[in-house]
Amino acid sequence: MAKKTIALILAGGAGTRLDILSKHRAKPAVPFAGKYRIIDFVLSNCVNSGIYTTGILTQYLPRSLSDHVGIGRPWDLDRGRGGLTMLPPYQRGETGWYKGTANAVYQNLSYVVDQNSDYVLVLAGDHIYKMNYRYMILEHEKNNADVTIAVKEVDYSIAHNFGILSVNDKNEIVDFEEKPQNPKSNLASMGIYIFNTEFLKNILIENCGPQGDSDFGNDIIPKLIGKSNVYAYKFDGYWRDVGTLDEYWKSNIELTLENAPADLHEENFKIYTKSESLPPVKFRNAGSAKDSLVSNGCTIKGVVENSVISPGVVIEDGAVVKNSVIFNDTIIKKGSVIDRAIIDKKVVVGENCIIGVGRDYTPNKEEPEKLFSGLNLIAKFAHIPSSVIIERNCRIMSRVSESDFKGRKHISSGETVHSDKEGGVFDIIH
């Protein structure tokens, strides 16, 4: 591209709908598809689109994200000019924490101005998709737009979860509502914006500030409709908002299908990540995997079906893992059966456990709106005793130990098992 584009990746949200998966890490740092993190997709999109100046706006629990991204070497972003810059909030005058997407960019206008770019590409750091931004930028230029918003048709049943817009026959946006109760269309904003740099600077200075507007969707974009050149770019490729536990689980599991909706093997559009130096997967004894993603460093002695297995996982003899997502370095011991679970890193499941059983789908009593479809959720560092049966929609919290079960061998649907370490120093060390 003759004109220079920089990217700003918004990666500071708490991601509370992912419950205990994001309790100790930023949502963009949550593992996905075995070896990746969620943020790998947007970073890979940038470099595959020829955009090598990228700022990541962090805030909530940034350590795991910063550890993963580092100086950007896996994405070829460790450059003397441009490259990757972490942009955390800091105290200056009356400002401090980022108060929303627009406020976050406003607080980093000095970084934007210093890059001397023609365009600023504002991106969400917590979506899973593959997109070449060059085509969107070309359409932005063709339309002589001030701002272009990437949009995708979604099912009307979930349209209320998104910013919804309407367009005319020229793809000019004529109406925009953030998460309306009664959507007028099913064109959803993907949280991807291209701004002319000078235009962005002016509207943020005019509208944002210590007491000003804070969010692009709620505050800034609606004010621009009818007053500025605001266009939609229609995207028909793979895109998933993995903001809920169900969507996160489904988006992982669908990648195990023969005709998966996203091709992770595409040679000309790779997804890059920070890879650990681990040995190849080892299958021992009767170990097998069917319709699954199994990452490096795993040892499989049992059976894996329709599941996503992250690096370093051990599945012992006679254990069966089905329809599940297992994070790094977890151990599933002999004879245990796991069905429809998300299990975080460094969990130990004792021998002969059954996790995910029965027809009782009572929603989780503490988080009924997050856990209701039959999934079980086990947080990092938990240790489940041998021969425990866990029904459905259960939560096992971080650092739960055998003593926290208090001798119970049956956890009914909808229950949560807490650790006696919660709220103490061990709960914040992660």
Protein backbone atom coordinates (compact mmCIF):
# COMPACT_ATOMS: atom_id res chain seq x y z
CA MET A 1 0.00 0.00 0.00
CA ALA A 2 1.32 3.41 -0.95
CA LYS A 3 -0.25 5.00 2.11
CA LYS A 4 0.80 4.01 5.60
CA THR A 5 -1.56 2.20 7.96
CA ILE A 6 -0.97 1.48 11.63
CA ALA A 7 -3.03 -0.87 13.80
CA LEU A 8 -4.28 -0.37 17.34
CA ILE A 9 -5.44 -3.58 19.02
CA LEU A 10 -7.85 -3.15 21.93
CA ALA A 11 -6.86 -5.88 24.38
CA GLY A 12 -7.74 -4.42 27.76
CA GLY A 13 -11.22 -5.80 28.50
CA ALA A 14 -11.90 -8.16 31.37
CA GLY A 15 -13.89 -10.70 29.33
CA THR A 16 -16.09 -11.53 32.32
CA ARG A 17 -18.48 -13.70 30.29
CA LEU A 18 -15.69 -16.28 30.04
CA ASP A 19 -15.90 -16.57 33.82
CA ILE A 20 -12.92 -18.34 35.40
CA LEU A 21 -11.07 -18.71 32.07
CA SER A 22 -10.35 -14.97 32.24
CA LYS A 23 -10.10 -14.62 36.01
CA HIS A 24 -6.29 -14.74 35.94
CA ARG A 25 -5.55 -13.61 32.37
CA ALA A 26 -6.69 -11.07 29.79
CA LYS A 27 -9.25 -12.50 27.38
CA PRO A 28 -6.95 -12.11 24.33
CA ALA A 29 -4.43 -14.33 26.17
CA VAL A 30 -6.90 -17.23 26.59
CA PRO A 31 -5.64 -20.34 24.73
CA PHE A 32 -7.46 -21.27 21.52
CA ALA A 33 -7.25 -24.16 19.04
CA GLY A 34 -4.61 -25.94 21.08
CA LYS A 35 -1.34 -24.13 20.44
CA TYR A 36 -2.61 -20.56 19.89
CA ARG A 37 -3.88 -17.65 21.98
CA ILE A 38 -6.88 -15.57 20.88
CA ILE A 39 -4.72 -12.53 20.09
CA ASP A 40 -2.60 -14.55 17.65
CA PHE A 41 -5.33 -14.26 15.03
CA VAL A 42 -5.53 -10.47 14.89
CA LEU A 43 -1.73 -10.11 15.06
CA SER A 44 -1.36 -12.59 12.20
CA ASN A 45 -4.02 -10.74 10.21
CA CYS A 46 -1.96 -7.56 10.56
CA VAL A 47 1.32 -9.01 9.29
CA ASN A 48 -0.44 -11.01 6.56
CA SER A 49 -1.93 -7.68 5.44
CA GLY A 50 1.45 -5.93 5.39
CA ILE A 51 0.81 -3.86 8.54
CA TYR A 52 3.93 -3.89 10.71
CA THR A 53 3.31 -0.97 13.08
CA THR A 54 1.02 -2.23 15.83
CA GLY A 55 0.11 -0.95 19.26
CA ILE A 56 -1.58 -3.24 21.79
CA LEU A 57 -3.70 -1.36 24.33
CA THR A 58 -3.66 -3.43 27.51
CA GLN A 59 -5.25 -2.93 30.91
CA TYR A 60 -6.83 -5.96 32.62
CA LEU A 61 -4.34 -8.57 33.93
CA PRO A 62 -1.77 -7.89 31.19
CA ARG A 63 1.06 -10.13 32.40
CA SER A 64 0.15 -13.34 30.56
CA LEU A 65 -0.58 -11.35 27.41
CA SER A 66 2.72 -9.46 27.65
CA ASP A 67 4.61 -12.71 28.31
CA HIS A 68 3.06 -14.29 25.23
CA VAL A 69 3.51 -11.37 22.84
CA GLY A 70 6.94 -10.27 24.06
CA ILE A 71 8.60 -8.01 21.49
CA GLY A 72 6.56 -9.53 18.66
CA ARG A 73 9.18 -11.84 17.18
CA PRO A 74 6.84 -14.70 16.13
CA TRP A 75 4.87 -12.18 14.02
CA ASP A 76 7.96 -10.44 12.59
CA LEU A 77 7.10 -7.36 14.64
CA ASP A 78 10.45 -7.01 16.45
CA ARG A 79 11.54 -4.09 14.31
CA GLY A 80 13.68 -1.04 14.85
CA ARG A 81 11.11 1.18 13.12
CA GLY A 82 7.45 0.53 13.75
CA GLY A 83 6.99 -2.96 15.09
CA LEU A 84 5.00 -3.83 18.20
CA THR A 85 4.41 -1.51 21.16
CA MET A 86 2.54 -2.34 24.36
CA LEU A 87 0.37 0.61 25.43
CA PRO A 88 -0.86 0.25 29.03
CA PRO A 89 -2.77 3.10 30.73
CA TYR A 90 -0.84 5.43 32.97
CA GLN A 91 -1.59 8.39 35.20
CA ARG A 92 -1.42 11.82 33.58
CA GLY A 93 -3.39 14.83 34.72
CA GLU A 94 -7.03 13.89 35.15
CA THR A 95 -6.80 10.71 33.09
CA GLY A 96 -5.89 7.20 34.17
CA TRP A 97 -7.61 3.88 33.45
CA TYR A 98 -9.08 3.41 29.99
CA LYS A 99 -12.82 4.05 30.24
CA GLY A 100 -13.82 2.54 26.90
CA THR A 101 -12.58 1.85 23.38
CA ALA A 102 -12.56 5.47 22.19
CA ASN A 103 -11.09 6.75 25.44
CA ALA A 104 -8.29 4.18 25.18
CA VAL A 105 -7.33 5.46 21.71
CA TYR A 106 -7.70 9.06 22.86
CA GLN A 107 -5.22 8.47 25.66
CA ASN A 108 -2.71 7.18 23.09
CA LEU A 109 -3.06 9.96 20.50
CA SER A 110 0.57 10.92 21.04
CA TYR A 111 1.59 7.42 19.88
CA VAL A 112 -0.73 7.69 16.86
CA VAL A 113 0.61 11.11 15.85
CA ASP A 114 4.22 9.97 16.26
CA GLN A 115 3.71 7.18 13.69
CA ASN A 116 2.87 9.72 10.95
CA SER A 117 0.33 7.37 9.32
CA ASP A 118 -2.44 8.04 6.82
CA TYR A 119 -4.85 5.53 8.35
CA VAL A 120 -5.48 4.00 11.75
CA LEU A 121 -6.94 0.50 11.88
CA VAL A 122 -8.69 -0.07 15.22
CA LEU A 123 -9.16 -3.75 16.05
CA ALA A 124 -10.64 -5.90 18.80
CA GLY A 125 -8.07 -8.27 20.25
CA ASP A 126 -10.56 -10.95 21.29
CA HIS A 127 -12.15 -12.24 18.06
CA ILE A 128 -11.21 -15.28 15.99
CA TYR A 129 -11.05 -14.62 12.26
CA LYS A 130 -8.81 -14.49 9.20
CA MET A 131 -8.98 -11.27 7.21
CA ASN A 132 -6.72 -9.43 4.80
CA TYR A 133 -7.20 -5.81 5.78
CA ARG A 134 -5.77 -4.58 2.47
CA TYR A 135 -9.10 -5.11 0.71
CA MET A 136 -10.94 -3.12 3.35
CA ILE A 137 -8.42 -0.29 3.07
CA LEU A 138 -8.75 -0.23 -0.72
CA GLU A 139 -12.54 0.09 -0.40
CA HIS A 140 -12.09 2.83 2.21
CA GLU A 141 -9.96 4.75 -0.28
CA LYS A 142 -12.34 4.15 -3.19
CA ASN A 143 -15.25 5.55 -1.17
CA ASN A 144 -13.23 8.55 0.02
CA ALA A 145 -14.49 7.58 3.48
CA ASP A 146 -13.67 9.19 6.80
CA VAL A 147 -14.31 5.92 8.61
CA THR A 148 -15.11 2.41 7.38
CA ILE A 149 -16.60 -0.28 9.62
CA ALA A 150 -16.27 -3.99 8.86
CA VAL A 151 -19.63 -5.74 9.12
CA LYS A 152 -20.92 -9.28 8.88
CA GLU A 153 -24.40 -10.75 8.67
CA VAL A 154 -25.34 -12.64 11.82
CA ASP A 155 -28.41 -14.62 12.80
CA TYR A 156 -31.24 -12.37 13.98
CA SER A 157 -31.47 -14.41 17.18
CA ILE A 158 -28.10 -13.10 18.35
CA ALA A 159 -28.10 -9.68 16.63
CA HIS A 160 -28.93 -7.94 19.93
CA ASN A 161 -25.42 -8.81 21.16
CA PHE A 162 -23.75 -6.55 18.56
CA GLY A 163 -23.66 -3.05 17.22
CA ILE A 164 -26.23 -3.22 14.41
CA LEU A 165 -26.24 -0.94 11.38
CA SER A 166 -28.20 -0.26 8.21
CA VAL A 167 -26.72 0.77 4.85
CA ASN A 168 -27.94 2.22 1.55
CA ASP A 169 -27.16 0.86 -1.92
CA LYS A 170 -23.73 2.51 -1.81
CA ASN A 171 -22.86 0.85 1.52
CA GLU A 172 -23.04 4.18 3.32
CA ILE A 173 -24.11 3.62 6.91
CA VAL A 174 -27.43 5.35 7.54
CA ASP A 175 -28.22 3.99 11.00
CA PHE A 176 -26.24 2.52 13.89
CA GLU A 177 -27.44 1.13 17.23
CA GLU A 178 -25.27 -0.50 19.88
CA LYS A 179 -26.80 -3.81 21.06
CA PRO A 180 -30.46 -2.92 20.32
CA GLN A 181 -33.25 -4.96 21.89
CA ASN A 182 -35.14 -5.01 18.56
CA PRO A 183 -32.53 -4.98 15.76
CA LYS A 184 -33.53 -3.32 12.49
CA SER A 185 -31.10 -5.46 10.51
CA ASN A 186 -28.66 -8.31 10.98
CA LEU A 187 -25.57 -6.41 9.80
CA ALA A 188 -23.29 -6.57 12.84
CA SER A 189 -20.23 -4.45 13.48
CA MET A 190 -17.13 -6.62 13.79
CA GLY A 191 -15.36 -4.05 15.95
CA ILE A 192 -12.98 -3.27 13.07
CA TYR A 193 -12.65 0.40 12.10
CA ILE A 194 -10.47 2.24 9.59
CA PHE A 195 -10.12 5.95 10.27
CA ASN A 196 -8.31 8.62 8.37
CA THR A 197 -5.70 9.60 10.95
CA GLU A 198 -6.42 13.32 10.96
CA PHE A 199 -10.18 12.68 11.14
CA LEU A 200 -9.71 10.30 14.08
CA LYS A 201 -7.52 12.77 15.92
CA ASN A 202 -10.05 15.57 15.49
CA ILE A 203 -13.13 13.62 16.57
CA LEU A 204 -11.39 12.22 19.64
CA ILE A 205 -10.12 15.63 20.71
CA GLU A 206 -13.62 17.04 20.17
CA ASN A 207 -15.57 14.25 21.88
CA CYS A 208 -13.26 12.51 24.34
CA GLY A 209 -11.51 13.80 27.38
CA PRO A 210 -11.62 13.36 31.15
CA GLN A 211 -15.42 13.79 31.20
CA GLY A 212 -16.16 13.05 27.54
CA ASP A 213 -17.36 10.11 25.46
CA SER A 214 -15.66 6.80 26.06
CA ASP A 215 -16.77 4.20 23.50
CA PHE A 216 -16.77 3.98 19.71
CA GLY A 217 -19.96 1.91 19.47
CA ASN A 218 -22.03 3.63 22.14
CA ASP A 219 -20.84 7.20 21.73
CA ILE A 220 -18.68 8.11 18.74
CA ILE A 221 -20.02 6.22 15.71
CA PRO A 222 -23.72 7.21 16.18
CA LYS A 223 -22.70 10.89 16.18
CA LEU A 224 -20.94 10.50 12.82
CA ILE A 225 -23.89 9.03 10.90
CA GLY A 226 -25.24 11.57 8.43
CA LYS A 227 -22.48 14.08 9.21
CA SER A 228 -19.36 12.31 7.94
CA ASN A 229 -18.49 9.79 5.24
CA VAL A 230 -19.14 6.55 7.12
CA TYR A 231 -19.14 3.33 5.08
CA ALA A 232 -19.55 -0.39 5.70
CA TYR A 233 -17.20 -3.06 4.43
CA LYS A 234 -19.07 -6.36 4.12
CA PHE A 235 -17.02 -9.39 5.14
CA ASP A 236 -18.23 -12.91 4.34
CA GLY A 237 -15.32 -14.94 5.71
CA TYR A 238 -14.79 -16.82 8.95
CA TRP A 239 -15.32 -14.70 12.08
CA ARG A 240 -16.24 -15.73 15.61
CA ASP A 241 -16.91 -13.64 18.69
CA VAL A 242 -15.81 -16.05 21.44
CA GLY A 243 -17.17 -13.88 24.23
CA THR A 244 -19.26 -16.57 25.94
CA LEU A 245 -18.32 -20.01 27.21
CA ASP A 246 -20.65 -21.72 24.74
CA GLU A 247 -19.29 -19.79 21.76
CA TYR A 248 -15.73 -20.34 22.92
CA TRP A 249 -16.30 -24.10 23.23
CA LYS A 250 -18.16 -24.36 19.89
CA SER A 251 -15.51 -22.34 18.04
CA ASN A 252 -12.78 -24.68 19.27
CA ILE A 253 -14.67 -27.89 18.59
CA GLU A 254 -15.77 -26.90 15.07
CA LEU A 255 -12.10 -26.73 14.06
CA THR A 256 -11.89 -30.51 14.52
CA LEU A 257 -14.39 -31.08 11.69
CA GLU A 258 -13.27 -32.46 8.34
CA ASN A 259 -14.50 -29.31 6.61
CA ALA A 260 -13.61 -26.87 9.38
CA PRO A 261 -14.81 -23.31 8.80
CA ALA A 262 -11.27 -21.94 9.24
CA ASP A 263 -8.23 -23.45 7.54
CA LEU A 264 -5.33 -23.40 9.98
CA HIS A 265 -3.12 -25.07 7.37
CA GLU A 266 -3.46 -22.30 4.77
CA GLU A 267 0.09 -21.76 3.53
CA ASN A 268 -0.44 -18.22 2.26
CA PHE A 269 -2.22 -16.94 5.38
CA LYS A 270 -0.61 -18.54 8.38
CA ILE A 271 -1.56 -17.97 12.01
CA TYR A 272 1.66 -17.28 13.90
CA THR A 273 2.24 -17.81 17.60
CA LYS A 274 4.88 -18.09 20.27
CA SER A 275 5.75 -21.78 20.29
CA GLU A 276 7.36 -23.66 23.13
CA SER A 277 10.26 -25.99 22.42
CA LEU A 278 8.40 -29.22 23.05
CA PRO A 279 8.84 -32.67 21.51
CA PRO A 280 6.38 -34.22 19.04
CA VAL A 281 3.14 -35.81 20.24
CA LYS A 282 3.68 -39.31 21.58
CA PHE A 283 0.98 -42.01 21.29
CA ARG A 284 1.58 -44.96 23.59
CA ASN A 285 -0.09 -48.34 24.14
CA ALA A 286 -3.72 -48.04 22.99
CA GLY A 287 -3.54 -44.26 22.66
CA SER A 288 -5.57 -42.79 19.81
CA ALA A 289 -7.09 -39.53 18.60
CA LYS A 290 -10.05 -39.10 16.27
CA ASP A 291 -11.34 -35.82 14.78
CA SER A 292 -9.19 -33.81 17.17
CA LEU A 293 -6.44 -31.21 17.38
CA VAL A 294 -3.52 -32.51 19.46
CA SER A 295 -0.61 -30.15 20.13
CA ASN A 296 3.10 -30.69 20.57
CA GLY A 297 4.47 -32.18 23.77
CA CYS A 298 1.39 -34.30 24.52
CA THR A 299 1.47 -37.92 25.62
CA ILE A 300 -1.66 -39.83 24.66
CA LYS A 301 -2.16 -43.29 26.16
CA GLY A 302 -5.96 -43.11 26.25
CA VAL A 303 -8.63 -42.08 23.74
CA VAL A 304 -9.30 -38.58 22.41
CA GLU A 305 -12.40 -37.79 20.32
CA ASN A 306 -13.71 -34.50 18.95
CA SER A 307 -11.47 -32.52 21.25
CA VAL A 308 -8.81 -29.82 21.29
CA ILE A 309 -5.69 -30.69 23.30
CA SER A 310 -3.11 -28.00 24.13
CA PRO A 311 0.66 -28.54 24.49
CA GLY A 312 2.06 -30.79 27.22
CA VAL A 313 -1.19 -32.59 28.13
CA VAL A 314 -0.94 -36.17 29.42
CA ILE A 315 -3.87 -38.55 28.98
CA GLU A 316 -3.15 -41.81 30.76
CA ASP A 317 -4.14 -45.42 30.01
CA GLY A 318 -7.87 -46.07 29.77
CA ALA A 319 -8.80 -42.37 30.02
CA VAL A 320 -11.32 -41.02 27.49
CA VAL A 321 -11.63 -37.35 26.51
CA LYS A 322 -14.57 -36.40 24.29
CA ASN A 323 -15.99 -33.08 23.07
CA SER A 324 -13.63 -31.15 25.32
CA VAL A 325 -11.00 -28.41 25.32
CA ILE A 326 -7.96 -29.15 27.49
CA PHE A 327 -5.35 -26.47 28.24
CA ASN A 328 -1.58 -26.81 28.67
CA ASP A 329 0.11 -29.34 30.94
CA THR A 330 -3.06 -30.86 32.35
CA ILE A 331 -2.99 -34.52 33.42
CA ILE A 332 -5.99 -36.83 32.95
CA LYS A 333 -5.21 -39.93 34.98
CA LYS A 334 -6.05 -43.58 34.34
CA GLY A 335 -9.62 -44.59 33.68
CA SER A 336 -11.18 -41.12 33.83
CA VAL A 337 -13.87 -40.11 31.33
CA ILE A 338 -14.30 -36.45 30.32
CA ASP A 339 -17.21 -35.24 28.15
CA ARG A 340 -18.07 -31.60 27.26
CA ALA A 341 -15.59 -29.84 29.50
CA ILE A 342 -13.22 -26.91 29.33
CA ILE A 343 -10.24 -27.66 31.56
CA ASP A 344 -7.64 -24.96 32.20
CA LYS A 345 -3.86 -25.39 32.51
CA LYS A 346 -1.99 -27.60 34.99
CA VAL A 347 -5.11 -29.35 36.27
CA VAL A 348 -4.84 -32.89 37.62
CA VAL A 349 -7.89 -35.12 37.20
CA GLY A 350 -7.51 -38.15 39.45
CA GLU A 351 -8.02 -41.77 38.44
CA ASN A 352 -11.46 -43.11 37.48
CA CYS A 353 -13.25 -39.75 37.56
CA ILE A 354 -16.33 -39.10 35.43
CA ILE A 355 -16.77 -35.48 34.35
CA GLY A 356 -19.88 -34.65 32.31
CA VAL A 357 -22.62 -37.19 32.94
CA GLY A 358 -26.38 -37.41 33.33
CA ARG A 359 -29.46 -35.67 31.94
CA ASP A 360 -29.77 -33.03 34.63
CA TYR A 361 -28.98 -29.68 32.98
CA THR A 362 -29.63 -27.45 35.98
CA PRO A 363 -27.78 -24.17 35.26
CA ASN A 364 -24.87 -23.29 37.48
CA LYS A 365 -26.32 -21.82 40.66
CA GLU A 366 -23.68 -19.08 40.94
CA GLU A 367 -23.41 -18.21 37.24
CA PRO A 368 -26.66 -19.41 35.58
CA GLU A 369 -26.33 -17.06 32.58
CA LYS A 370 -22.82 -18.27 31.77
CA LEU A 371 -23.04 -22.03 32.33
CA PHE A 372 -26.29 -23.74 31.33
CA SER A 373 -25.74 -25.95 28.26
CA GLY A 374 -24.06 -28.92 29.95
CA LEU A 375 -20.46 -27.75 29.89
CA ASN A 376 -18.26 -28.22 32.91
CA LEU A 377 -15.58 -25.64 33.67
CA ILE A 378 -12.41 -26.47 35.62
CA ALA A 379 -10.00 -23.65 36.45
CA LYS A 380 -6.21 -23.71 36.43
CA PHE A 381 -4.19 -25.64 39.02
CA ALA A 382 -7.25 -27.54 40.31
CA HIS A 383 -6.69 -31.06 41.63
CA ILE A 384 -9.68 -33.39 41.45
CA PRO A 385 -9.53 -36.49 43.68
CA SER A 386 -9.87 -40.00 42.28
CA SER A 387 -13.31 -41.51 41.61
CA VAL A 388 -15.19 -38.18 41.70
CA ILE A 389 -18.33 -37.87 39.55
CA ILE A 390 -19.17 -34.39 38.28
CA GLU A 391 -22.51 -34.00 36.49
CA ARG A 392 -23.12 -30.90 34.31
CA ASN A 393 -22.82 -27.09 34.42
CA CYS A 394 -20.36 -27.33 37.30
CA ARG A 395 -17.45 -25.02 38.11
CA ILE A 396 -14.29 -26.17 39.85
CA MET A 397 -12.43 -23.06 40.91
CA SER A 398 -8.71 -22.31 40.65
CA ARG A 399 -6.35 -24.13 43.02
CA VAL A 400 -9.06 -26.42 44.36
CA SER A 401 -7.36 -29.31 46.14
CA GLU A 402 -8.56 -32.71 47.29
CA SER A 403 -9.37 -31.32 50.74
CA ASP A 404 -11.82 -28.79 49.22
CA PHE A 405 -14.08 -31.66 48.16
CA LYS A 406 -14.47 -32.55 51.86
CA GLY A 407 -14.74 -36.22 51.06
CA ARG A 408 -17.57 -35.75 48.52
CA LYS A 409 -17.43 -38.09 45.54
CA HIS A 410 -20.48 -36.74 43.67
CA ILE A 411 -20.91 -33.14 42.49
CA SER A 412 -24.46 -32.51 41.29
CA SER A 413 -25.34 -30.42 38.24
CA GLY A 414 -25.08 -26.68 38.80
CA GLU A 415 -22.68 -26.81 41.76
CA THR A 416 -19.43 -24.91 42.25
CA VAL A 417 -16.48 -26.22 44.27
CA HIS A 418 -14.42 -23.42 45.83
CA SER A 419 -10.87 -23.44 47.13
CA ASP A 420 -10.11 -22.37 50.69
CA LYS A 421 -7.26 -20.34 49.12
CA GLU A 422 -9.63 -18.02 47.21
CA GLY A 423 -9.19 -14.36 48.04
CA GLY A 424 -5.74 -14.91 49.54
CA VAL A 425 -2.25 -14.51 48.19
CA PHE A 426 -2.41 -17.89 46.44
CA ASP A 427 -5.46 -16.73 44.48
CA ILE A 428 -3.61 -13.78 42.97
CA ILE A 429 -0.43 -15.67 42.13
CA HIS A 430 -1.01 -17.11 38.69
